């Protein structure tokens, strides 16, 4: 028979780990959303001028530095979004693993309590 005193603390620890990973993933996704809002305001400031003004900008001017900042923030946004989704899905997977292990443990205990697999 499986001893719940040894299995349950491990399951609780894994469940807590899954919740923390899921929350971290959610925080990263929210951070990616906030970065997206910031990038959209920068894009608005960039695209509000005509094409001829933007193309005539020299190195170090507002339009050039703004476009460089937009590209950098977009890269960070995509990386955070990808990492956040990975952590969120990892947290869900750990939670499902804990549920399956708990169900298997209960099934094994019930089988042994009902007289199955008697030891001699």
Protein backbone atom coordinates (compact mmCIF):
# COMPACT_ATOMS: atom_id res chain seq x y z
CA UNK A 1 0.00 0.00 0.00
CA UNK A 2 1.26 3.47 -0.86
CA UNK A 3 1.90 5.56 2.24
CA UNK A 4 0.15 8.94 1.87
CA UNK A 5 2.45 10.47 4.50
CA UNK A 6 5.38 10.28 2.09
CA UNK A 7 3.55 10.89 -1.18
CA UNK A 8 1.28 13.80 -0.23
CA UNK A 9 4.06 16.28 0.71
CA UNK A 10 5.80 15.60 -2.59
CA UNK A 11 2.54 16.11 -4.46
CA UNK A 12 1.87 19.35 -2.60
CA UNK A 13 5.38 20.58 -3.39
CA UNK A 14 4.92 19.78 -7.09
CA UNK A 15 1.50 21.41 -7.07
CA UNK A 16 2.98 24.57 -5.55
CA UNK A 17 5.75 24.52 -8.16
CA UNK A 18 3.15 24.25 -10.91
CA UNK A 19 1.18 27.17 -9.51
CA UNK A 20 4.31 29.32 -9.24
CA UNK A 21 5.36 28.49 -12.80
CA UNK A 22 1.88 29.33 -14.06
CA UNK A 23 1.85 32.64 -12.20
CA UNK A 24 5.31 33.53 -13.50
CA UNK A 25 4.11 32.78 -17.03
CA UNK A 26 1.05 34.96 -16.52
CA UNK A 27 3.21 37.82 -15.18
CA UNK A 28 5.51 37.56 -18.21
CA UNK A 29 2.52 37.63 -20.57
CA UNK A 30 1.16 40.72 -18.81
CA UNK A 31 4.61 42.35 -19.06
CA UNK A 32 4.61 41.58 -22.77
CA UNK A 33 1.18 43.21 -23.06
CA UNK A 34 2.42 46.35 -21.28
CA UNK A 35 5.45 46.49 -23.57
CA UNK A 36 3.07 46.20 -26.53
CA UNK A 37 1.13 49.22 -25.30
CA UNK A 38 4.38 51.18 -24.93
CA UNK A 39 5.51 50.16 -28.43
CA UNK A 40 2.17 51.21 -29.89
CA UNK A 41 2.55 54.71 -28.44
CA UNK A 42 6.06 54.90 -29.91
CA UNK A 43 4.74 53.72 -33.27
CA UNK A 44 2.09 56.40 -33.16
CA UNK A 45 4.75 59.06 -32.58
CA UNK A 46 6.79 57.63 -35.45
CA UNK A 47 4.07 57.21 -38.08
CA UNK A 48 2.31 60.53 -37.41
CA UNK A 49 4.79 62.37 -39.64
CA UNK A 50 4.90 62.07 -43.40
CA UNK A 51 7.17 59.61 -45.17
CA UNK A 52 9.42 62.33 -46.57
CA UNK A 53 10.10 63.71 -43.07
CA UNK A 54 10.89 60.26 -41.69
CA UNK A 55 13.22 59.35 -44.55
CA UNK A 56 15.04 62.71 -44.39
CA UNK A 57 15.99 62.16 -40.74
CA UNK A 58 19.70 61.90 -40.05
CA UNK A 59 21.46 59.59 -37.60
CA UNK A 60 20.77 60.54 -34.01
CA UNK A 61 17.54 62.39 -34.75
CA UNK A 62 14.18 61.60 -33.19
CA UNK A 63 12.87 59.38 -35.98
CA UNK A 64 15.98 57.24 -36.24
CA UNK A 65 16.33 56.70 -32.50
CA UNK A 66 12.59 56.07 -32.17
CA UNK A 67 12.67 53.40 -34.87
CA UNK A 68 15.67 51.72 -33.20
CA UNK A 69 13.85 51.73 -29.86
CA UNK A 70 10.75 50.27 -31.47
CA UNK A 71 12.73 47.39 -32.94
CA UNK A 72 14.47 46.62 -29.63
CA UNK A 73 11.24 46.71 -27.63
CA UNK A 74 9.51 44.48 -30.19
CA UNK A 75 12.21 41.86 -29.78
CA UNK A 76 11.89 41.93 -25.99
CA UNK A 77 8.13 41.72 -26.29
CA UNK A 78 8.22 38.60 -28.46
CA UNK A 79 10.78 36.91 -26.21
CA UNK A 80 8.79 37.65 -23.05
CA UNK A 81 5.58 36.47 -24.68
CA UNK A 82 7.19 33.21 -25.79
CA UNK A 83 8.77 32.59 -22.39
CA UNK A 84 5.53 33.49 -20.61
CA UNK A 85 3.48 31.06 -22.68
CA UNK A 86 6.07 28.35 -22.08
CA UNK A 87 6.00 28.88 -18.32
CA UNK A 88 2.21 29.02 -18.25
CA UNK A 89 1.91 25.77 -20.19
CA UNK A 90 4.60 24.16 -18.02
CA UNK A 91 2.63 25.10 -14.91
CA UNK A 92 -0.53 23.59 -16.38
CA UNK A 93 1.37 20.41 -17.30
CA UNK A 94 2.74 20.04 -13.77
CA UNK A 95 -0.74 20.50 -12.30
CA UNK A 96 -2.15 17.82 -14.62
CA UNK A 97 0.73 15.49 -13.75
CA UNK A 98 -0.03 15.89 -10.04
CA UNK A 99 -3.72 15.15 -10.65
CA UNK A 100 -2.92 12.00 -12.64
CA UNK A 101 -0.45 10.77 -10.00
CA UNK A 102 -3.01 11.37 -7.23
CA UNK A 103 -5.65 9.43 -9.14
CA UNK A 104 -3.26 6.54 -9.76
CA UNK A 105 -2.29 6.48 -6.09
CA UNK A 106 -5.93 6.40 -5.00
CA UNK A 107 -6.71 3.65 -7.48
CA UNK A 108 -3.82 1.54 -6.23
CA UNK A 109 -4.83 2.05 -2.61
CA UNK A 110 -8.46 1.12 -3.32
CA UNK A 111 -7.36 -2.00 -5.20
CA UNK A 112 -5.20 -3.11 -2.27
CA UNK A 113 -7.88 -2.30 0.33
CA UNK A 114 -10.46 -4.36 -1.53
CA UNK A 115 -8.24 -7.41 -1.35
CA UNK A 116 -6.48 -7.30 -4.67
CA UNK A 117 -2.87 -8.49 -4.95
CA UNK A 118 -2.76 -10.13 -1.55
CA UNK A 119 0.70 -10.66 -0.14
CA UNK A 120 1.54 -14.01 1.42
